[in-house]
Amino acid sequence: MPAITTRSRRAVWRRQFLLQGCWNYEGMQNVGFAYAILPALREFYANRPEEALKAVKRHLEFFNTQPAMGSVILGASVRLEERVAAGEADVRAIGTFKVGLMGSLGAIGDSFFWGALRPMASVAGVLLAMLHPLLGIGALLFFYNTAHLTLRRRGFAAGMEGPEGAVDWLKREALNIRTDDRKMLAAILGGAYAGLFAGRFAGHEGGPLHALAWLLLAAAAVNLFTVLFRKAVSPSEILSFLLFIGVLILWR
């Protein structure tokens, strides 16, 4: 039975970051996916050029999903190709698996990465940027990439266990719960930023009553952002609103 070597597995892992490297309107991420899985296909179909060509063409069919979540499908596709090359699976299983999972993973990934993780990391970075700009940049990159690279690594490893392993991993990760948690944290951090930013330009007059007023303002902002997130308002729209308010304050 053909088996992928560690070297080829690492090559496939590295190439997943180029999934959108040749994005196009006809096949979207299909060229990037075929490029990523190519090291594995070269091993599975060594000395079988006709079958290798057919395998490449299979992965040049339409493909589109959230880039980071694509690692799950990529890993599982490698395992399926391994089984097909050994005559243990039907070649149609590969296309069926990819089509069946790319839409749902695209929706889950967009909600988690773009709708929750990125806003949370951005607001955390803005807060720390009030101490030092480089600290804010570092925090943004750290919070986002720690989660994103971890999910890529675990998702690919789960996919390499086969379609069953990929599905089990998705159930265990419970990304819908993680999405809600990060949206809530983004709302809390957004409220804290609103209070700190407003207090920074309001001066320190007024004593305890003045401090209490800004504390209540921050609490109200947290509650407002929480309600907006629950109403499915886009985090990007909320951050744009915060940016607009900040510009008005600075302009004054």
C-alpha atoms as a PDB file:
ATOM      1  CA  MET A   1       0.000   0.000   0.000  1.00  0.00           C
ATOM      2  CA  PRO A   2       1.456   3.436  -0.923  1.00  0.00           C
ATOM      3  CA  ALA A   3       2.037   5.646   2.084  1.00  0.00           C
ATOM      4  CA  ILE A   4       2.966   9.296   2.233  1.00  0.00           C
ATOM      5  CA  THR A   5       6.407  10.048   3.622  1.00  0.00           C
ATOM      6  CA  THR A   6       7.050  12.625   6.314  1.00  0.00           C
ATOM      7  CA  ARG A   7       8.792  14.855   3.791  1.00  0.00           C
ATOM      8  CA  SER A   8       5.809  14.916   1.437  1.00  0.00           C
ATOM      9  CA  ARG A   9       3.381  15.381   4.292  1.00  0.00           C
ATOM     10  CA  ARG A  10       5.291  18.451   5.425  1.00  0.00           C
ATOM     11  CA  ALA A  11       5.358  19.752   1.859  1.00  0.00           C
ATOM     12  CA  VAL A  12       1.561  19.428   1.631  1.00  0.00           C
ATOM     13  CA  TRP A  13       1.231  21.185   4.994  1.00  0.00           C
ATOM     14  CA  ARG A  14       3.368  24.129   3.869  1.00  0.00           C
ATOM     15  CA  ARG A  15       1.600  24.464   0.528  1.00  0.00           C
ATOM     16  CA  GLN A  16      -1.816  24.861   2.148  1.00  0.00           C
ATOM     17  CA  PHE A  17      -0.907  28.490   2.864  1.00  0.00           C
ATOM     18  CA  LEU A  18      -0.978  29.090  -0.907  1.00  0.00           C
ATOM     19  CA  LEU A  19      -4.540  27.835  -1.273  1.00  0.00           C
ATOM     20  CA  GLN A  20      -5.605  31.218  -2.655  1.00  0.00           C
ATOM     21  CA  GLY A  21      -2.376  31.841  -4.537  1.00  0.00           C
ATOM     22  CA  CYS A  22      -4.048  31.354  -7.925  1.00  0.00           C
ATOM     23  CA  TRP A  23      -7.644  32.275  -7.073  1.00  0.00           C
ATOM     24  CA  ASN A  24      -9.883  32.502 -10.128  1.00  0.00           C
ATOM     25  CA  TYR A  25     -13.560  33.055 -10.863  1.00  0.00           C
ATOM     26  CA  GLU A  26     -14.068  29.687 -12.565  1.00  0.00           C
ATOM     27  CA  GLY A  27     -12.590  27.270 -10.046  1.00  0.00           C
ATOM     28  CA  MET A  28     -11.819  29.708  -7.175  1.00  0.00           C
ATOM     29  CA  GLN A  29      -9.298  27.821  -4.971  1.00  0.00           C
ATOM     30  CA  ASN A  30      -8.985  24.756  -7.208  1.00  0.00           C
ATOM     31  CA  VAL A  31      -5.482  25.496  -8.525  1.00  0.00           C
ATOM     32  CA  GLY A  32      -4.179  26.180  -5.024  1.00  0.00           C
ATOM     33  CA  PHE A  33      -5.685  22.941  -3.744  1.00  0.00           C
ATOM     34  CA  ALA A  34      -4.178  20.901  -6.583  1.00  0.00           C
ATOM     35  CA  TYR A  35      -0.793  22.523  -5.960  1.00  0.00           C
ATOM     36  CA  ALA A  36      -0.983  21.745  -2.236  1.00  0.00           C
ATOM     37  CA  ILE A  37      -1.821  18.060  -2.676  1.00  0.00           C
ATOM     38  CA  LEU A  38       0.636  17.507  -5.545  1.00  0.00           C
ATOM     39  CA  PRO A  39       3.566  16.169  -3.422  1.00  0.00           C
ATOM     40  CA  ALA A  40       1.300  13.396  -2.131  1.00  0.00           C
ATOM     41  CA  LEU A  41      -0.001  12.528  -5.605  1.00  0.00           C
ATOM     42  CA  ARG A  42       3.566  12.203  -6.889  1.00  0.00           C
ATOM     43  CA  GLU A  43       4.234   9.509  -4.305  1.00  0.00           C
ATOM     44  CA  PHE A  44       0.948   7.647  -4.586  1.00  0.00           C
ATOM     45  CA  TYR A  45       1.070   7.447  -8.376  1.00  0.00           C
ATOM     46  CA  ALA A  46       4.800   7.088  -8.947  1.00  0.00           C
ATOM     47  CA  ASN A  47       5.479   5.307 -12.276  1.00  0.00           C
ATOM     48  CA  ARG A  48       1.761   5.654 -13.137  1.00  0.00           C
ATOM     49  CA  PRO A  49       1.667   8.944 -15.083  1.00  0.00           C
ATOM     50  CA  GLU A  50      -1.802   8.478 -16.541  1.00  0.00           C
ATOM     51  CA  GLU A  51      -3.379   7.900 -13.143  1.00  0.00           C
ATOM     52  CA  ALA A  52      -1.359  10.782 -11.693  1.00  0.00           C
ATOM     53  CA  LEU A  53      -2.728  13.103 -14.374  1.00  0.00           C
ATOM     54  CA  LYS A  54      -6.283  11.989 -13.635  1.00  0.00           C
ATOM     55  CA  ALA A  55      -5.695  12.623  -9.943  1.00  0.00           C
ATOM     56  CA  VAL A  56      -4.470  16.164 -10.594  1.00  0.00           C
ATOM     57  CA  LYS A  57      -7.483  16.860 -12.794  1.00  0.00           C
ATOM     58  CA  ARG A  58      -9.782  15.653 -10.001  1.00  0.00           C
ATOM     59  CA  HIS A  59      -8.472  18.392  -7.770  1.00  0.00           C
ATOM     60  CA  LEU A  60      -8.726  21.053 -10.464  1.00  0.00           C
ATOM     61  CA  GLU A  61     -12.499  20.895 -10.176  1.00  0.00           C
ATOM     62  CA  PHE A  62     -14.326  23.730  -8.397  1.00  0.00           C
ATOM     63  CA  PHE A  63     -13.262  24.208  -4.785  1.00  0.00           C
ATOM     64  CA  ASN A  64     -13.930  27.023  -2.357  1.00  0.00           C
ATOM     65  CA  THR A  65     -13.958  27.198   1.429  1.00  0.00           C
ATOM     66  CA  GLN A  66     -12.563  29.251   4.306  1.00  0.00           C
ATOM     67  CA  PRO A  67      -8.754  29.067   3.786  1.00  0.00           C
ATOM     68  CA  ALA A  68      -7.795  27.953   7.284  1.00  0.00           C
ATOM     69  CA  MET A  69     -10.547  25.330   7.442  1.00  0.00           C
ATOM     70  CA  GLY A  70      -9.373  24.000   4.088  1.00  0.00           C
ATOM     71  CA  SER A  71      -6.608  22.188   5.961  1.00  0.00           C
ATOM     72  CA  VAL A  72      -9.167  19.654   7.223  1.00  0.00           C
ATOM     73  CA  ILE A  73     -10.342  18.831   3.690  1.00  0.00           C
ATOM     74  CA  LEU A  74      -6.769  18.787   2.409  1.00  0.00           C
ATOM     75  CA  GLY A  75      -5.644  16.247   5.005  1.00  0.00           C
ATOM     76  CA  ALA A  76      -8.650  14.018   4.414  1.00  0.00           C
ATOM     77  CA  SER A  77      -8.182  14.230   0.627  1.00  0.00           C
ATOM     78  CA  VAL A  78      -4.585  13.048   1.006  1.00  0.00           C
ATOM     79  CA  ARG A  79      -5.771  10.025   2.972  1.00  0.00           C
ATOM     80  CA  LEU A  80      -8.537   9.294   0.455  1.00  0.00           C
ATOM     81  CA  GLU A  81      -6.079   9.520  -2.451  1.00  0.00           C
ATOM     82  CA  GLU A  82      -3.851   7.082  -0.597  1.00  0.00           C
ATOM     83  CA  ARG A  83      -6.741   4.612  -0.334  1.00  0.00           C
ATOM     84  CA  VAL A  84      -7.722   5.094  -3.989  1.00  0.00           C
ATOM     85  CA  ALA A  85      -4.132   4.515  -5.142  1.00  0.00           C
ATOM     86  CA  ALA A  86      -4.088   1.270  -3.153  1.00  0.00           C
ATOM     87  CA  GLY A  87      -7.409   0.171  -4.652  1.00  0.00           C
ATOM     88  CA  GLU A  88      -9.202   0.370  -1.300  1.00  0.00           C
ATOM     89  CA  ALA A  89     -11.671   3.168  -2.116  1.00  0.00           C
ATOM     90  CA  ASP A  90     -13.795   4.456  -4.973  1.00  0.00           C
ATOM     91  CA  VAL A  91     -12.346   7.523  -6.685  1.00  0.00           C
ATOM     92  CA  ARG A  92     -15.767   9.214  -6.538  1.00  0.00           C
ATOM     93  CA  ALA A  93     -15.508   9.357  -2.752  1.00  0.00           C
ATOM     94  CA  ILE A  94     -12.932  12.147  -3.021  1.00  0.00           C
ATOM     95  CA  GLY A  95     -15.149  14.549  -4.943  1.00  0.00           C
ATOM     96  CA  THR A  96     -18.182  13.683  -2.818  1.00  0.00           C
ATOM     97  CA  PHE A  97     -16.282  14.390   0.386  1.00  0.00           C
ATOM     98  CA  LYS A  98     -14.866  17.705  -0.822  1.00  0.00           C
ATOM     99  CA  VAL A  99     -18.179  19.010  -2.137  1.00  0.00           C
ATOM    100  CA  GLY A 100     -20.063  17.849   0.946  1.00  0.00           C
ATOM    101  CA  LEU A 101     -17.744  19.560   3.415  1.00  0.00           C
ATOM    102  CA  MET A 102     -16.408  22.713   1.747  1.00  0.00           C
ATOM    103  CA  GLY A 103     -19.665  24.677   2.034  1.00  0.00           C
ATOM    104  CA  SER A 104     -20.316  23.956   5.698  1.00  0.00           C
ATOM    105  CA  LEU A 105     -16.677  24.497   6.672  1.00  0.00           C
ATOM    106  CA  GLY A 106     -16.695  27.768   4.733  1.00  0.00           C
ATOM    107  CA  ALA A 107     -19.650  29.025   6.775  1.00  0.00           C
ATOM    108  CA  ILE A 108     -18.216  27.816  10.094  1.00  0.00           C
ATOM    109  CA  GLY A 109     -14.776  29.241   9.311  1.00  0.00           C
ATOM    110  CA  ASP A 110     -16.070  32.622   8.153  1.00  0.00           C
ATOM    111  CA  SER A 111     -18.101  32.993  11.330  1.00  0.00           C
ATOM    112  CA  PHE A 112     -15.227  31.969  13.592  1.00  0.00           C
ATOM    113  CA  PHE A 113     -12.245  33.643  11.920  1.00  0.00           C
ATOM    114  CA  TRP A 114     -13.742  36.748  10.310  1.00  0.00           C
ATOM    115  CA  GLY A 115     -16.742  37.273  12.583  1.00  0.00           C
ATOM    116  CA  ALA A 116     -15.221  36.533  15.990  1.00  0.00           C
ATOM    117  CA  LEU A 117     -11.475  35.856  16.180  1.00  0.00           C
ATOM    118  CA  ARG A 118     -10.274  38.748  14.022  1.00  0.00           C
ATOM    119  CA  PRO A 119     -12.452  41.403  15.772  1.00  0.00           C
ATOM    120  CA  MET A 120     -11.382  40.080  19.186  1.00  0.00           C
ATOM    121  CA  ALA A 121      -7.685  40.152  18.271  1.00  0.00           C
ATOM    122  CA  SER A 122      -8.071  43.591  16.685  1.00  0.00           C
ATOM    123  CA  VAL A 123      -9.693  45.180  19.731  1.00  0.00           C
ATOM    124  CA  ALA A 124      -7.121  43.545  22.036  1.00  0.00           C
ATOM    125  CA  GLY A 125      -4.392  45.004  19.837  1.00  0.00           C
ATOM    126  CA  VAL A 126      -5.977  48.461  19.914  1.00  0.00           C
ATOM    127  CA  LEU A 127      -6.171  48.380  23.703  1.00  0.00           C
ATOM    128  CA  LEU A 128      -2.510  47.429  24.082  1.00  0.00           C
ATOM    129  CA  ALA A 129      -1.523  49.953  21.426  1.00  0.00           C
ATOM    130  CA  MET A 130      -2.532  52.624  23.928  1.00  0.00           C
ATOM    131  CA  LEU A 131       0.542  51.523  25.900  1.00  0.00           C
ATOM    132  CA  HIS A 132       2.827  51.198  22.857  1.00  0.00           C
ATOM    133  CA  PRO A 133       2.064  50.836  19.123  1.00  0.00           C
ATOM    134  CA  LEU A 134       4.392  47.856  18.660  1.00  0.00           C
ATOM    135  CA  LEU A 135       2.794  46.107  21.625  1.00  0.00           C
ATOM    136  CA  GLY A 136      -0.593  46.463  19.957  1.00  0.00           C
ATOM    137  CA  ILE A 137       0.660  45.063  16.649  1.00  0.00           C
ATOM    138  CA  GLY A 138       2.344  42.162  18.429  1.00  0.00           C
ATOM    139  CA  ALA A 139      -0.820  41.371  20.404  1.00  0.00           C
ATOM    140  CA  LEU A 140      -2.982  41.366  17.278  1.00  0.00           C
ATOM    141  CA  LEU A 141      -0.629  38.985  15.450  1.00  0.00           C
ATOM    142  CA  PHE A 142      -0.182  36.770  18.509  1.00  0.00           C
ATOM    143  CA  PHE A 143      -3.854  36.306  19.388  1.00  0.00           C
ATOM    144  CA  TYR A 144      -4.960  35.713  15.806  1.00  0.00           C
ATOM    145  CA  ASN A 145      -2.119  33.506  14.611  1.00  0.00           C
ATOM    146  CA  THR A 146      -1.973  31.378  17.758  1.00  0.00           C
ATOM    147  CA  ALA A 147      -5.563  30.244  17.237  1.00  0.00           C
ATOM    148  CA  HIS A 148      -5.412  30.148  13.449  1.00  0.00           C
ATOM    149  CA  LEU A 149      -2.183  28.132  13.177  1.00  0.00           C
ATOM    150  CA  THR A 150      -3.298  25.744  15.922  1.00  0.00           C
ATOM    151  CA  LEU A 151      -6.545  25.007  14.104  1.00  0.00           C
ATOM    152  CA  ARG A 152      -4.701  24.531  10.822  1.00  0.00           C
ATOM    153  CA  ARG A 153      -2.305  22.038  12.409  1.00  0.00           C
ATOM    154  CA  ARG A 154      -4.953  20.087  14.296  1.00  0.00           C
ATOM    155  CA  GLY A 155      -7.387  20.142  11.394  1.00  0.00           C
ATOM    156  CA  PHE A 156      -4.804  18.788   8.969  1.00  0.00           C
ATOM    157  CA  ALA A 157      -3.760  16.063  11.404  1.00  0.00           C
ATOM    158  CA  ALA A 158      -7.407  15.084  11.939  1.00  0.00           C
ATOM    159  CA  GLY A 159      -7.990  14.993   8.189  1.00  0.00           C
ATOM    160  CA  MET A 160      -4.995  12.715   7.735  1.00  0.00           C
ATOM    161  CA  GLU A 161      -6.867  10.169   9.855  1.00  0.00           C
ATOM    162  CA  GLY A 162      -9.479  10.030   7.101  1.00  0.00           C
ATOM    163  CA  PRO A 163     -12.946  11.538   6.602  1.00  0.00           C
ATOM    164  CA  GLU A 164     -14.150   9.905   9.819  1.00  0.00           C
ATOM    165  CA  GLY A 165     -11.342  11.522  11.808  1.00  0.00           C
ATOM    166  CA  ALA A 166     -12.067  14.919  10.243  1.00  0.00           C
ATOM    167  CA  VAL A 167     -15.758  14.771  11.176  1.00  0.00           C
ATOM    168  CA  ASP A 168     -15.008  13.584  14.730  1.00  0.00           C
ATOM    169  CA  TRP A 169     -12.509  16.418  15.178  1.00  0.00           C
ATOM    170  CA  LEU A 170     -15.025  19.015  14.039  1.00  0.00           C
ATOM    171  CA  LYS A 171     -17.513  17.701  16.587  1.00  0.00           C
ATOM    172  CA  ARG A 172     -14.952  17.823  19.395  1.00  0.00           C
ATOM    173  CA  GLU A 173     -13.766  21.333  18.558  1.00  0.00           C
ATOM    174  CA  ALA A 174     -17.301  22.787  18.836  1.00  0.00           C
ATOM    175  CA  LEU A 175     -16.348  25.889  16.874  1.00  0.00           C
ATOM    176  CA  ASN A 176     -19.837  27.339  17.223  1.00  0.00           C
ATOM    177  CA  ILE A 177     -19.320  27.652  20.986  1.00  0.00           C
ATOM    178  CA  ARG A 178     -15.842  29.105  20.489  1.00  0.00           C
ATOM    179  CA  THR A 179     -17.307  31.623  18.052  1.00  0.00           C
ATOM    180  CA  ASP A 180     -19.854  32.856  20.596  1.00  0.00           C
ATOM    181  CA  ASP A 181     -17.190  33.090  23.315  1.00  0.00           C
ATOM    182  CA  ARG A 182     -14.880  35.198  21.167  1.00  0.00           C
ATOM    183  CA  LYS A 183     -17.705  37.454  20.047  1.00  0.00           C
ATOM    184  CA  MET A 184     -18.572  38.065  23.686  1.00  0.00           C
ATOM    185  CA  LEU A 185     -14.930  38.769  24.523  1.00  0.00           C
ATOM    186  CA  ALA A 186     -14.700  41.163  21.573  1.00  0.00           C
ATOM    187  CA  ALA A 187     -17.752  42.998  22.903  1.00  0.00           C
ATOM    188  CA  ILE A 188     -16.236  43.279  26.389  1.00  0.00           C
ATOM    189  CA  LEU A 189     -12.910  44.507  25.032  1.00  0.00           C
ATOM    190  CA  GLY A 190     -14.741  46.931  22.745  1.00  0.00           C
ATOM    191  CA  GLY A 191     -16.577  48.373  25.721  1.00  0.00           C
ATOM    192  CA  ALA A 192     -13.349  48.680  27.682  1.00  0.00           C
ATOM    193  CA  TYR A 193     -11.733  50.455  24.739  1.00  0.00           C
ATOM    194  CA  ALA A 194     -14.662  52.856  24.445  1.00  0.00           C
ATOM    195  CA  GLY A 195     -14.426  53.761  28.127  1.00  0.00           C
ATOM    196  CA  LEU A 196     -10.636  54.135  28.164  1.00  0.00           C
ATOM    197  CA  PHE A 197     -10.552  56.111  24.930  1.00  0.00           C
ATOM    198  CA  ALA A 198     -13.268  58.508  26.040  1.00  0.00           C
ATOM    199  CA  GLY A 199     -11.725  58.940  29.493  1.00  0.00           C
ATOM    200  CA  ARG A 200      -8.329  59.667  27.984  1.00  0.00           C
ATOM    201  CA  PHE A 201      -9.644  62.784  26.275  1.00  0.00           C
ATOM    202  CA  ALA A 202     -12.076  63.894  28.953  1.00  0.00           C
ATOM    203  CA  GLY A 203      -9.519  64.960  31.515  1.00  0.00           C
ATOM    204  CA  HIS A 204      -9.385  64.008  35.163  1.00  0.00           C
ATOM    205  CA  GLU A 205     -11.632  66.676  36.680  1.00  0.00           C
ATOM    206  CA  GLY A 206     -14.670  65.750  38.722  1.00  0.00           C
ATOM    207  CA  GLY A 207     -13.176  63.313  41.213  1.00  0.00           C
ATOM    208  CA  PRO A 208     -14.971  60.042  42.086  1.00  0.00           C
ATOM    209  CA  LEU A 209     -18.231  61.033  40.396  1.00  0.00           C
ATOM    210  CA  HIS A 210     -16.400  61.687  37.170  1.00  0.00           C
ATOM    211  CA  ALA A 211     -14.657  58.292  37.363  1.00  0.00           C
ATOM    212  CA  LEU A 212     -17.978  56.590  38.125  1.00  0.00           C
ATOM    213  CA  ALA A 213     -19.549  58.224  35.087  1.00  0.00           C
ATOM    214  CA  TRP A 214     -16.890  56.817  32.776  1.00  0.00           C
ATOM    215  CA  LEU A 215     -17.187  53.398  34.410  1.00  0.00           C
ATOM    216  CA  LEU A 216     -20.929  53.389  33.726  1.00  0.00           C
ATOM    217  CA  LEU A 217     -20.261  54.513  30.160  1.00  0.00           C
ATOM    218  CA  ALA A 218     -17.907  51.587  29.603  1.00  0.00           C
ATOM    219  CA  ALA A 219     -20.435  49.154  31.130  1.00  0.00           C
ATOM    220  CA  ALA A 220     -23.172  50.529  28.869  1.00  0.00           C
ATOM    221  CA  ALA A 221     -20.886  50.117  25.849  1.00  0.00           C
ATOM    222  CA  VAL A 222     -20.205  46.483  26.764  1.00  0.00           C
ATOM    223  CA  ASN A 223     -23.926  45.818  27.062  1.00  0.00           C
ATOM    224  CA  LEU A 224     -24.612  47.552  23.742  1.00  0.00           C
ATOM    225  CA  PHE A 225     -21.959  45.564  21.879  1.00  0.00           C
ATOM    226  CA  THR A 226     -23.210  42.320  23.419  1.00  0.00           C
ATOM    227  CA  VAL A 227     -26.740  43.016  22.222  1.00  0.00           C
ATOM    228  CA  LEU A 228     -25.478  43.928  18.743  1.00  0.00           C
ATOM    229  CA  PHE A 229     -23.471  40.709  18.464  1.00  0.00           C
ATOM    230  CA  ARG A 230     -26.497  38.660  19.522  1.00  0.00           C
ATOM    231  CA  LYS A 231     -28.553  40.453  16.884  1.00  0.00           C
ATOM    232  CA  ALA A 232     -25.988  39.225  14.295  1.00  0.00           C
ATOM    233  CA  VAL A 233     -24.701  42.725  13.531  1.00  0.00           C
ATOM    234  CA  SER A 234     -21.389  42.478  11.670  1.00  0.00           C
ATOM    235  CA  PRO A 235     -18.334  43.004  13.919  1.00  0.00           C
ATOM    236  CA  SER A 236     -16.754  44.990  11.083  1.00  0.00           C
ATOM    237  CA  GLU A 237     -19.658  47.442  11.185  1.00  0.00           C
ATOM    238  CA  ILE A 238     -19.260  47.829  14.950  1.00  0.00           C
ATOM    239  CA  LEU A 239     -15.519  48.456  14.652  1.00  0.00           C
ATOM    240  CA  SER A 240     -16.150  50.961  11.855  1.00  0.00           C
ATOM    241  CA  PHE A 241     -18.616  52.764  14.130  1.00  0.00           C
ATOM    242  CA  LEU A 242     -16.022  52.876  16.924  1.00  0.00           C
ATOM    243  CA  LEU A 243     -13.472  54.270  14.487  1.00  0.00           C
ATOM    244  CA  PHE A 244     -15.930  56.962  13.391  1.00  0.00           C
ATOM    245  CA  ILE A 245     -16.642  57.982  17.011  1.00  0.00           C
ATOM    246  CA  GLY A 246     -12.919  58.078  17.763  1.00  0.00           C
ATOM    247  CA  VAL A 247     -12.261  60.350  14.785  1.00  0.00           C
ATOM    248  CA  LEU A 248     -15.018  62.708  15.954  1.00  0.00           C
ATOM    249  CA  ILE A 249     -13.502  62.896  19.433  1.00  0.00           C
ATOM    250  CA  LEU A 250     -10.043  63.569  18.077  1.00  0.00           C
ATOM    251  CA  TRP A 251     -11.396  66.134  15.637  1.00  0.00           C
ATOM    252  CA  ARG A 252     -12.959  68.023  18.518  1.00  0.00           C
END
